[in-house]
Amino acid sequence: MKGLNDDKMWEMAEKRVGFRRHFFVYALINIIIISLWFFTSYKDADKGGYWFVFPLLGWGIGLAFHYWAAFHDDLSSIEKEYQKLKEKYQVDEEVDAETKDTSGNTRRF
């Protein structure tokens, strides 16, 4: 990726490592939850149902968003938005400079 400085690369690395840790915890905890279900409710699955699916899917949705944030950081759209804001506020500063007279007082139209 062009134009990345050390700070941006460091931030991207932190996000990716954070996702990997999140995924590891997700996998470990869900293995425990499924094991609990298997050893306690598997024989009576008709009565208790497959309750482990709800935390698995709910947490999985959050994990998917974390993945997207860590690996699909759209820097080009961020740069475009930054340039728009920069242009907007530079224009505002130029207008402010034009409305001030030589003594620094603001002229009223």
N, C-alpha and C. Protein backbone atom coordinates (compact mmCIF):
# COMPACT_ATOMS: atom_id res chain seq x y z
N MET A 1 0.84 -1.18 0.00
CA MET A 1 0.00 0.00 0.00
C MET A 1 0.88 1.24 0.00
N LYS A 2 0.64 2.08 -0.96
CA LYS A 2 1.44 3.29 -1.07
C LYS A 2 1.03 4.31 -0.03
N GLY A 3 1.97 5.12 0.34
CA GLY A 3 1.67 6.27 1.19
C GLY A 3 1.43 5.96 2.65
N LEU A 4 1.77 4.76 3.09
CA LEU A 4 1.58 4.44 4.50
C LEU A 4 2.83 4.80 5.28
N ASN A 5 2.62 5.53 6.35
CA ASN A 5 3.76 5.82 7.21
C ASN A 5 3.79 4.80 8.35
N ASP A 6 4.79 4.89 9.19
CA ASP A 6 4.95 3.92 10.27
C ASP A 6 3.77 3.93 11.23
N ASP A 7 3.21 5.10 11.51
CA ASP A 7 2.08 5.18 12.44
C ASP A 7 0.87 4.44 11.90
N LYS A 8 0.57 4.62 10.61
CA LYS A 8 -0.57 3.94 10.01
C LYS A 8 -0.35 2.43 9.98
N MET A 9 0.87 2.01 9.62
CA MET A 9 1.16 0.58 9.58
C MET A 9 1.08 -0.03 10.97
N TRP A 10 1.55 0.71 11.97
CA TRP A 10 1.48 0.23 13.35
C TRP A 10 0.02 0.06 13.77
N GLU A 11 -0.81 1.02 13.43
CA GLU A 11 -2.24 0.95 13.77
C GLU A 11 -2.90 -0.24 13.08
N MET A 12 -2.57 -0.47 11.80
CA MET A 12 -3.13 -1.61 11.08
C MET A 12 -2.68 -2.92 11.72
N ALA A 13 -1.41 -3.00 12.10
CA ALA A 13 -0.89 -4.21 12.74
C ALA A 13 -1.60 -4.47 14.06
N GLU A 14 -1.83 -3.42 14.85
CA GLU A 14 -2.55 -3.58 16.12
C GLU A 14 -3.97 -4.10 15.89
N LYS A 15 -4.65 -3.57 14.88
CA LYS A 15 -6.01 -4.02 14.58
C LYS A 15 -6.03 -5.50 14.18
N ARG A 16 -5.06 -5.89 13.37
CA ARG A 16 -5.03 -7.28 12.90
C ARG A 16 -4.68 -8.25 14.02
N VAL A 17 -3.75 -7.87 14.87
CA VAL A 17 -3.41 -8.72 16.02
C VAL A 17 -4.61 -8.79 16.97
N GLY A 18 -5.30 -7.68 17.16
CA GLY A 18 -6.50 -7.66 17.99
C GLY A 18 -7.57 -8.59 17.46
N PHE A 19 -7.74 -8.61 16.13
CA PHE A 19 -8.71 -9.53 15.54
C PHE A 19 -8.31 -10.97 15.77
N ARG A 20 -7.04 -11.29 15.57
CA ARG A 20 -6.59 -12.67 15.77
C ARG A 20 -6.82 -13.13 17.21
N ARG A 21 -6.58 -12.25 18.17
CA ARG A 21 -6.84 -12.59 19.58
C ARG A 21 -8.33 -12.80 19.80
N HIS A 22 -9.14 -11.91 19.23
CA HIS A 22 -10.59 -12.02 19.36
C HIS A 22 -11.06 -13.35 18.78
N PHE A 23 -10.55 -13.73 17.61
CA PHE A 23 -10.93 -14.99 16.98
C PHE A 23 -10.54 -16.18 17.84
N PHE A 24 -9.34 -16.14 18.43
CA PHE A 24 -8.88 -17.23 19.29
C PHE A 24 -9.80 -17.39 20.50
N VAL A 25 -10.15 -16.29 21.14
CA VAL A 25 -11.05 -16.34 22.30
C VAL A 25 -12.43 -16.84 21.87
N TYR A 26 -12.92 -16.36 20.73
CA TYR A 26 -14.21 -16.80 20.18
C TYR A 26 -14.22 -18.32 19.98
N ALA A 27 -13.18 -18.84 19.34
CA ALA A 27 -13.11 -20.28 19.07
C ALA A 27 -13.03 -21.07 20.37
N LEU A 28 -12.19 -20.65 21.30
CA LEU A 28 -12.02 -21.36 22.56
C LEU A 28 -13.31 -21.39 23.38
N ILE A 29 -13.93 -20.24 23.55
CA ILE A 29 -15.16 -20.17 24.35
C ILE A 29 -16.29 -20.95 23.69
N ASN A 30 -16.40 -20.88 22.36
CA ASN A 30 -17.47 -21.61 21.69
C ASN A 30 -17.24 -23.11 21.71
N ILE A 31 -16.00 -23.55 21.71
CA ILE A 31 -15.72 -24.99 21.89
C ILE A 31 -16.19 -25.43 23.27
N ILE A 32 -15.94 -24.61 24.27
CA ILE A 32 -16.38 -24.92 25.64
C ILE A 32 -17.91 -24.96 25.70
N ILE A 33 -18.57 -23.97 25.10
CA ILE A 33 -20.04 -23.91 25.12
C ILE A 33 -20.64 -25.13 24.41
N ILE A 34 -20.11 -25.47 23.24
CA ILE A 34 -20.62 -26.63 22.50
C ILE A 34 -20.35 -27.91 23.28
N SER A 35 -19.20 -28.00 23.94
CA SER A 35 -18.90 -29.18 24.76
C SER A 35 -19.88 -29.29 25.92
N LEU A 36 -20.17 -28.17 26.57
CA LEU A 36 -21.16 -28.18 27.66
C LEU A 36 -22.51 -28.67 27.15
N TRP A 37 -22.93 -28.14 26.00
CA TRP A 37 -24.20 -28.57 25.42
C TRP A 37 -24.16 -30.07 25.11
N PHE A 38 -23.07 -30.53 24.51
CA PHE A 38 -22.97 -31.93 24.11
C PHE A 38 -23.04 -32.87 25.31
N PHE A 39 -22.31 -32.54 26.38
CA PHE A 39 -22.26 -33.44 27.53
C PHE A 39 -23.46 -33.31 28.46
N THR A 40 -24.21 -32.23 28.36
CA THR A 40 -25.35 -32.06 29.27
C THR A 40 -26.70 -32.19 28.58
N SER A 41 -26.81 -31.79 27.33
CA SER A 41 -28.13 -31.73 26.69
C SER A 41 -28.24 -32.51 25.39
N TYR A 42 -27.19 -33.14 24.94
CA TYR A 42 -27.23 -33.79 23.64
C TYR A 42 -28.31 -34.86 23.56
N LYS A 43 -28.44 -35.66 24.61
CA LYS A 43 -29.43 -36.74 24.61
C LYS A 43 -30.85 -36.18 24.63
N ASP A 44 -31.01 -35.02 25.26
CA ASP A 44 -32.33 -34.40 25.35
C ASP A 44 -32.40 -33.15 24.46
N ALA A 45 -31.81 -33.22 23.29
CA ALA A 45 -31.76 -32.05 22.40
C ALA A 45 -33.16 -31.61 21.99
N ASP A 46 -34.10 -32.56 21.96
CA ASP A 46 -35.47 -32.19 21.61
C ASP A 46 -36.07 -31.28 22.66
N LYS A 47 -35.71 -31.48 23.92
CA LYS A 47 -36.25 -30.65 25.01
C LYS A 47 -35.50 -29.33 25.13
N GLY A 48 -34.19 -29.39 25.16
CA GLY A 48 -33.38 -28.20 25.38
C GLY A 48 -33.05 -27.44 24.11
N GLY A 49 -33.11 -28.11 22.99
CA GLY A 49 -32.80 -27.46 21.73
C GLY A 49 -31.32 -27.26 21.53
N TYR A 50 -31.03 -26.59 20.50
CA TYR A 50 -29.65 -26.29 20.14
C TYR A 50 -29.33 -24.85 20.54
N TRP A 51 -29.36 -24.58 21.83
CA TRP A 51 -29.21 -23.22 22.36
C TRP A 51 -27.84 -22.62 22.08
N PHE A 52 -26.83 -23.46 21.90
CA PHE A 52 -25.47 -22.96 21.68
C PHE A 52 -25.35 -22.15 20.39
N VAL A 53 -26.29 -22.32 19.47
CA VAL A 53 -26.25 -21.61 18.20
C VAL A 53 -26.40 -20.10 18.40
N PHE A 54 -27.19 -19.69 19.40
CA PHE A 54 -27.46 -18.26 19.59
C PHE A 54 -26.21 -17.47 19.99
N PRO A 55 -25.45 -17.90 21.00
CA PRO A 55 -24.22 -17.14 21.28
C PRO A 55 -23.19 -17.27 20.15
N LEU A 56 -23.16 -18.44 19.50
CA LEU A 56 -22.23 -18.66 18.40
C LEU A 56 -22.49 -17.67 17.26
N LEU A 57 -23.74 -17.52 16.87
CA LEU A 57 -24.08 -16.60 15.77
C LEU A 57 -23.98 -15.14 16.19
N GLY A 58 -24.48 -14.83 17.38
CA GLY A 58 -24.43 -13.44 17.84
C GLY A 58 -23.01 -12.92 17.93
N TRP A 59 -22.16 -13.68 18.56
CA TRP A 59 -20.76 -13.29 18.70
C TRP A 59 -20.06 -13.34 17.34
N GLY A 60 -20.47 -14.30 16.50
CA GLY A 60 -19.89 -14.41 15.17
C GLY A 60 -20.14 -13.18 14.31
N ILE A 61 -21.31 -12.57 14.46
CA ILE A 61 -21.60 -11.33 13.73
C ILE A 61 -20.65 -10.23 14.17
N GLY A 62 -20.46 -10.10 15.48
CA GLY A 62 -19.51 -9.12 15.99
C GLY A 62 -18.09 -9.39 15.50
N LEU A 63 -17.72 -10.65 15.45
CA LEU A 63 -16.39 -11.04 14.97
C LEU A 63 -16.23 -10.69 13.49
N ALA A 64 -17.29 -10.86 12.71
CA ALA A 64 -17.23 -10.51 11.28
C ALA A 64 -16.99 -9.01 11.10
N PHE A 65 -17.66 -8.19 11.91
CA PHE A 65 -17.43 -6.74 11.84
C PHE A 65 -15.99 -6.40 12.25
N HIS A 66 -15.48 -7.10 13.26
CA HIS A 66 -14.10 -6.87 13.69
C HIS A 66 -13.13 -7.24 12.57
N TYR A 67 -13.40 -8.34 11.88
CA TYR A 67 -12.56 -8.74 10.75
C TYR A 67 -12.55 -7.66 9.67
N TRP A 68 -13.75 -7.17 9.36
CA TRP A 68 -13.86 -6.16 8.31
C TRP A 68 -13.07 -4.90 8.68
N ALA A 69 -13.18 -4.49 9.93
CA ALA A 69 -12.47 -3.28 10.38
C ALA A 69 -10.96 -3.49 10.37
N ALA A 70 -10.51 -4.71 10.65
CA ALA A 70 -9.07 -4.97 10.74
C ALA A 70 -8.41 -5.17 9.38
N PHE A 71 -9.11 -5.81 8.45
CA PHE A 71 -8.47 -6.19 7.20
C PHE A 71 -8.96 -5.44 5.97
N HIS A 72 -10.04 -4.71 6.09
CA HIS A 72 -10.58 -3.98 4.93
C HIS A 72 -10.66 -2.50 5.24
N ASP A 73 -9.57 -1.96 5.71
CA ASP A 73 -9.50 -0.55 6.04
C ASP A 73 -9.36 0.23 4.74
N ASP A 74 -10.40 0.91 4.33
CA ASP A 74 -10.40 1.61 3.05
C ASP A 74 -9.75 2.97 3.21
N LEU A 75 -8.44 3.00 3.09
CA LEU A 75 -7.69 4.23 3.28
C LEU A 75 -8.00 5.27 2.22
N SER A 76 -8.34 4.82 1.02
CA SER A 76 -8.60 5.79 -0.04
C SER A 76 -9.84 6.62 0.28
N SER A 77 -10.88 6.02 0.83
CA SER A 77 -12.08 6.80 1.17
C SER A 77 -11.80 7.73 2.35
N ILE A 78 -10.95 7.30 3.26
CA ILE A 78 -10.57 8.16 4.38
C ILE A 78 -9.79 9.36 3.86
N GLU A 79 -8.87 9.10 2.95
CA GLU A 79 -8.08 10.19 2.37
C GLU A 79 -8.98 11.16 1.61
N LYS A 80 -9.96 10.64 0.86
CA LYS A 80 -10.87 11.51 0.11
C LYS A 80 -11.67 12.40 1.06
N GLU A 81 -12.18 11.81 2.13
CA GLU A 81 -12.95 12.58 3.10
C GLU A 81 -12.07 13.63 3.77
N TYR A 82 -10.85 13.28 4.07
CA TYR A 82 -9.91 14.23 4.67
C TYR A 82 -9.67 15.41 3.73
N GLN A 83 -9.48 15.12 2.45
CA GLN A 83 -9.25 16.19 1.48
C GLN A 83 -10.47 17.10 1.36
N LYS A 84 -11.69 16.51 1.37
CA LYS A 84 -12.91 17.33 1.32
C LYS A 84 -12.98 18.28 2.50
N LEU A 85 -12.74 17.74 3.69
CA LEU A 85 -12.79 18.57 4.89
C LEU A 85 -11.71 19.65 4.86
N LYS A 86 -10.54 19.27 4.41
CA LYS A 86 -9.44 20.22 4.34
C LYS A 86 -9.79 21.37 3.39
N GLU A 87 -10.34 21.03 2.22
CA GLU A 87 -10.74 22.06 1.26
C GLU A 87 -11.84 22.94 1.83
N LYS A 88 -12.81 22.33 2.49
CA LYS A 88 -13.93 23.09 3.05
C LYS A 88 -13.44 24.11 4.08
N TYR A 89 -12.60 23.67 4.98
CA TYR A 89 -12.15 24.57 6.04
C TYR A 89 -11.11 25.57 5.55
N GLN A 90 -10.39 25.25 4.51
CA GLN A 90 -9.49 26.24 3.92
C GLN A 90 -10.30 27.33 3.24
N VAL A 91 -11.39 26.96 2.58
CA VAL A 91 -12.26 27.94 1.94
C VAL A 91 -12.87 28.84 2.99
N ASP A 92 -13.33 28.27 4.10
CA ASP A 92 -13.90 29.07 5.18
C ASP A 92 -12.87 30.05 5.73
N GLU A 93 -11.63 29.62 5.87
CA GLU A 93 -10.58 30.50 6.37
C GLU A 93 -10.30 31.64 5.39
N GLU A 94 -10.34 31.34 4.08
CA GLU A 94 -10.12 32.38 3.08
C GLU A 94 -11.25 33.40 3.10
N VAL A 95 -12.50 32.95 3.26
CA VAL A 95 -13.64 33.86 3.34
C VAL A 95 -13.51 34.72 4.58
N ASP A 96 -13.11 34.13 5.70
CA ASP A 96 -12.91 34.90 6.93
C ASP A 96 -11.84 35.96 6.72
N ALA A 97 -10.77 35.61 6.01
CA ALA A 97 -9.68 36.56 5.77
C ALA A 97 -10.15 37.70 4.88
N GLU A 98 -11.04 37.41 3.92
CA GLU A 98 -11.54 38.44 3.02
C GLU A 98 -12.49 39.41 3.72
N THR A 99 -13.18 38.96 4.76
CA THR A 99 -14.15 39.82 5.44
C THR A 99 -13.52 40.68 6.52
N LYS A 100 -12.25 40.52 6.77
CA LYS A 100 -11.58 41.35 7.77
C LYS A 100 -10.91 42.53 7.06
N ASP A 101 -11.04 43.71 7.65
CA ASP A 101 -10.36 44.86 7.06
C ASP A 101 -8.92 44.93 7.57
N THR A 102 -8.21 45.93 7.19
CA THR A 102 -6.79 46.02 7.51
C THR A 102 -6.52 46.14 9.00
N SER A 103 -7.49 46.61 9.77
CA SER A 103 -7.28 46.74 11.21
C SER A 103 -7.61 45.45 11.96
N GLY A 104 -8.09 44.44 11.23
CA GLY A 104 -8.42 43.17 11.87
C GLY A 104 -9.87 43.07 12.29
N ASN A 105 -10.65 44.13 12.08
CA ASN A 105 -12.07 44.10 12.41
C ASN A 105 -12.85 43.44 11.29
N THR A 106 -13.91 42.75 11.66
CA THR A 106 -14.73 42.08 10.67
C THR A 106 -15.68 43.09 10.04
N ARG A 107 -15.71 43.10 8.70
CA ARG A 107 -16.62 43.99 7.98
C ARG A 107 -18.00 43.36 7.93
N ARG A 108 -19.00 44.18 8.04
CA ARG A 108 -20.38 43.71 7.91
C ARG A 108 -20.90 44.16 6.55
N PHE A 109 -21.58 43.29 5.88
CA PHE A 109 -22.09 43.61 4.54
C PHE A 109 -23.52 44.07 4.60
